[in-house]
Protein backbone atom coordinates (compact mmCIF):
# COMPACT_ATOMS: atom_id res chain seq x y z
CA UNK A 1 -22.66 -15.10 -4.93
CA UNK A 2 -20.84 -14.10 -1.75
CA UNK A 3 -17.33 -12.70 -1.86
CA UNK A 4 -14.83 -15.14 -0.44
CA UNK A 5 -11.59 -13.66 0.84
CA UNK A 6 -8.36 -15.42 0.12
CA UNK A 7 -5.92 -16.56 2.77
CA UNK A 8 -3.66 -13.71 1.70
CA UNK A 9 -6.45 -11.20 2.43
CA UNK A 10 -7.05 -12.74 5.87
CA UNK A 11 -3.37 -12.61 6.78
CA UNK A 12 -3.11 -9.01 5.57
CA UNK A 13 -6.15 -7.92 7.63
CA UNK A 14 -4.80 -9.69 10.71
CA UNK A 15 -1.38 -8.03 10.44
CA UNK A 16 -2.97 -4.60 9.87
CA UNK A 17 -5.16 -5.09 12.95
CA UNK A 18 -2.07 -5.96 14.99
CA UNK A 19 -0.31 -2.87 13.62
CA UNK A 20 -3.29 -0.71 14.61
CA UNK A 21 -3.11 -2.11 18.15
CA UNK A 22 0.67 -1.71 18.33
CA UNK A 23 0.59 2.00 17.47
CA UNK A 24 3.57 3.92 16.13
CA UNK A 25 6.19 1.53 17.49
CA UNK A 26 5.43 -1.07 14.87
CA UNK A 27 4.96 -4.77 15.31
CA UNK A 28 7.28 -7.68 15.97
CA UNK A 29 5.96 -11.18 15.41
CA UNK A 30 7.32 -14.62 14.62
CA UNK A 31 6.78 -15.91 11.09
CA UNK A 32 6.22 -19.47 12.38
CA UNK A 33 3.50 -18.28 14.77
CA UNK A 34 1.64 -16.59 11.92
CA UNK A 35 2.02 -19.69 9.74
CA UNK A 36 0.68 -21.90 12.53
CA UNK A 37 -2.21 -19.52 13.25
CA UNK A 38 -3.30 -19.52 9.60
CA UNK A 39 -2.36 -23.16 9.03
CA UNK A 40 -0.10 -22.36 6.11
CA UNK A 41 3.56 -22.61 5.19
CA UNK A 42 5.93 -19.77 6.17
CA UNK A 43 6.44 -18.95 2.48
CA UNK A 44 2.77 -17.84 2.35
CA UNK A 45 3.58 -15.31 5.09
CA UNK A 46 6.60 -14.17 3.06
CA UNK A 47 4.34 -13.69 0.03
CA UNK A 48 1.90 -11.54 2.01
CA UNK A 49 4.74 -9.43 3.38
CA UNK A 50 6.31 -8.96 -0.05
CA UNK A 51 3.09 -8.09 -1.87
CA UNK A 52 0.98 -6.33 0.77
CA UNK A 53 3.55 -4.70 3.05
CA UNK A 54 6.07 -3.24 0.59
CA UNK A 55 7.74 0.16 0.89
CA UNK A 56 5.55 1.38 -1.99
CA UNK A 57 2.54 0.64 0.19
CA UNK A 58 4.07 2.46 3.14
CA UNK A 59 5.73 -0.24 5.21
CA UNK A 60 9.19 -1.30 6.27
CA UNK A 61 9.59 -5.01 6.88
CA UNK A 62 12.67 -6.35 8.60
CA UNK A 63 13.09 -10.05 9.01
CA UNK A 64 15.52 -12.42 10.65
CA UNK A 65 15.56 -16.08 9.74
CA UNK A 66 16.69 -18.92 11.94
CA UNK A 67 16.17 -19.42 15.65
CA UNK A 68 12.43 -18.97 15.22
CA UNK A 69 12.99 -15.81 13.18
CA UNK A 70 10.94 -12.69 13.65
CA UNK A 71 9.34 -10.11 11.45
CA UNK A 72 9.31 -6.44 12.40
CA UNK A 73 6.80 -4.32 10.50
CA UNK A 74 6.73 -0.54 10.68
CA UNK A 75 4.02 1.56 9.08
CA UNK A 76 5.40 4.70 7.49
CA UNK A 77 3.01 7.54 8.11
CA UNK A 78 2.89 10.41 5.66
CA UNK A 79 3.60 13.67 7.42
CA UNK A 80 0.68 15.57 8.94
CA UNK A 81 -2.25 16.45 6.70
CA UNK A 82 -0.87 19.89 5.76
CA UNK A 83 2.26 18.29 4.30
CA UNK A 84 0.50 15.57 2.34
CA UNK A 85 0.43 17.53 -0.95
CA UNK A 86 4.17 18.13 -0.76
CA UNK A 87 4.69 14.47 0.04
CA UNK A 88 2.56 13.48 -2.98
CA UNK A 89 4.61 15.69 -5.32
CA UNK A 90 7.81 14.05 -4.09
CA UNK A 91 6.42 10.53 -4.19
CA UNK A 92 4.97 10.66 -7.71
CA UNK A 93 7.84 12.43 -9.45
CA UNK A 94 7.88 12.92 -13.23
CA UNK A 95 6.71 9.43 -14.19
CA UNK A 96 4.89 6.57 -12.46
CA UNK A 97 3.85 3.11 -13.62
CA UNK A 98 0.37 1.74 -12.96
CA UNK A 99 1.53 -0.60 -10.19
CA UNK A 100 3.18 2.24 -8.30
CA UNK A 101 0.11 4.44 -8.80
CA UNK A 102 -2.16 1.71 -7.44
CA UNK A 103 0.14 1.16 -4.45
CA UNK A 104 0.03 4.89 -3.70
CA UNK A 105 -3.77 4.91 -3.91
CA UNK A 106 -3.94 1.93 -1.53
CA UNK A 107 -1.64 3.71 0.91
CA UNK A 108 -3.72 6.90 0.84
CA UNK A 109 -6.86 4.81 1.23
CA UNK A 110 -5.36 2.92 4.18
CA UNK A 111 -4.51 6.24 5.87
CA UNK A 112 -8.02 7.63 5.20
CA UNK A 113 -6.81 10.40 2.90
CA UNK A 114 -9.05 9.05 0.11
CA UNK A 115 -12.41 7.38 0.02
CA UNK A 116 -12.74 4.02 -1.72
CA UNK A 117 -14.92 5.69 -4.35
CA UNK A 118 -12.27 8.36 -5.07
CA UNK A 119 -9.56 5.69 -5.36
CA UNK A 120 -11.66 3.64 -7.81
CA UNK A 121 -12.45 6.70 -9.94
CA UNK A 122 -8.80 7.78 -10.04
CA UNK A 123 -7.58 4.28 -10.90
CA UNK A 124 -10.15 3.94 -13.68
CA UNK A 125 -9.30 7.33 -15.14
CA UNK A 126 -5.57 6.62 -15.09
CA UNK A 127 -6.07 3.28 -16.84
CA UNK A 128 -8.42 4.72 -19.45
CA UNK A 129 -6.33 7.79 -20.26
CA UNK A 130 -3.02 5.93 -20.57
CA UNK A 131 -3.92 2.53 -22.04
CA UNK A 132 -3.17 3.48 -25.66
CA UNK A 133 -0.02 5.51 -25.00
CA UNK A 134 3.55 4.29 -25.36
CA UNK A 135 4.91 3.26 -21.92
CA UNK A 136 7.32 6.23 -21.63
CA UNK A 137 4.54 8.71 -22.38
CA UNK A 138 1.98 6.84 -20.31
CA UNK A 139 4.14 7.12 -17.18
CA UNK A 140 4.49 10.87 -17.59
CA UNK A 141 0.79 11.43 -18.33
CA UNK A 142 -0.18 9.14 -15.44
CA UNK A 143 2.08 11.06 -13.04
CA UNK A 144 0.66 14.42 -14.14
CA UNK A 145 -2.96 13.24 -13.85
CA UNK A 146 -2.45 11.44 -10.55
CA UNK A 147 -0.61 14.35 -8.96
CA UNK A 148 -3.24 16.86 -10.12
CA UNK A 149 -6.23 14.77 -9.01
CA UNK A 150 -4.78 13.94 -5.60
CA UNK A 151 -3.74 17.49 -4.81
CA UNK A 152 -7.14 18.81 -5.91
CA UNK A 153 -8.96 16.26 -3.76
CA UNK A 154 -6.72 16.60 -0.71
CA UNK A 155 -6.59 20.40 -0.66
CA UNK A 156 -10.38 20.46 -0.69
CA UNK A 157 -10.69 18.19 2.37
């Protein structure tokens, strides 16, 4: 059975391709143009922006409604490779929930700091090691494991 991408996936890939072409200045686009291009309602574009382009995933999204409204999307780049371990320590903190951990892994994957295989292994390990812990303890254990694994992997590359 072939994998069929959802409309959300298509919109996300399209916006990321536009961001890659736009460079560091970010991207400005009209919500209605995206909706027309993908033959969907503007609320579908809002959903993609909210779920796939959040600050946790490394983006800033500014939007203005009315008058055709526009969306400005900026990709936040982690500092240069030497500073990535420091950035990871700051980002993870003392506790992290699974959603935040997954968003961080996606961001590192998007910026080519991690391979897909490494991200899958880390995610699986975090889920397995914290699934039976109380939420308060799970967040702390997850943060410790995630921080340790990422720093180990990134210092070796």
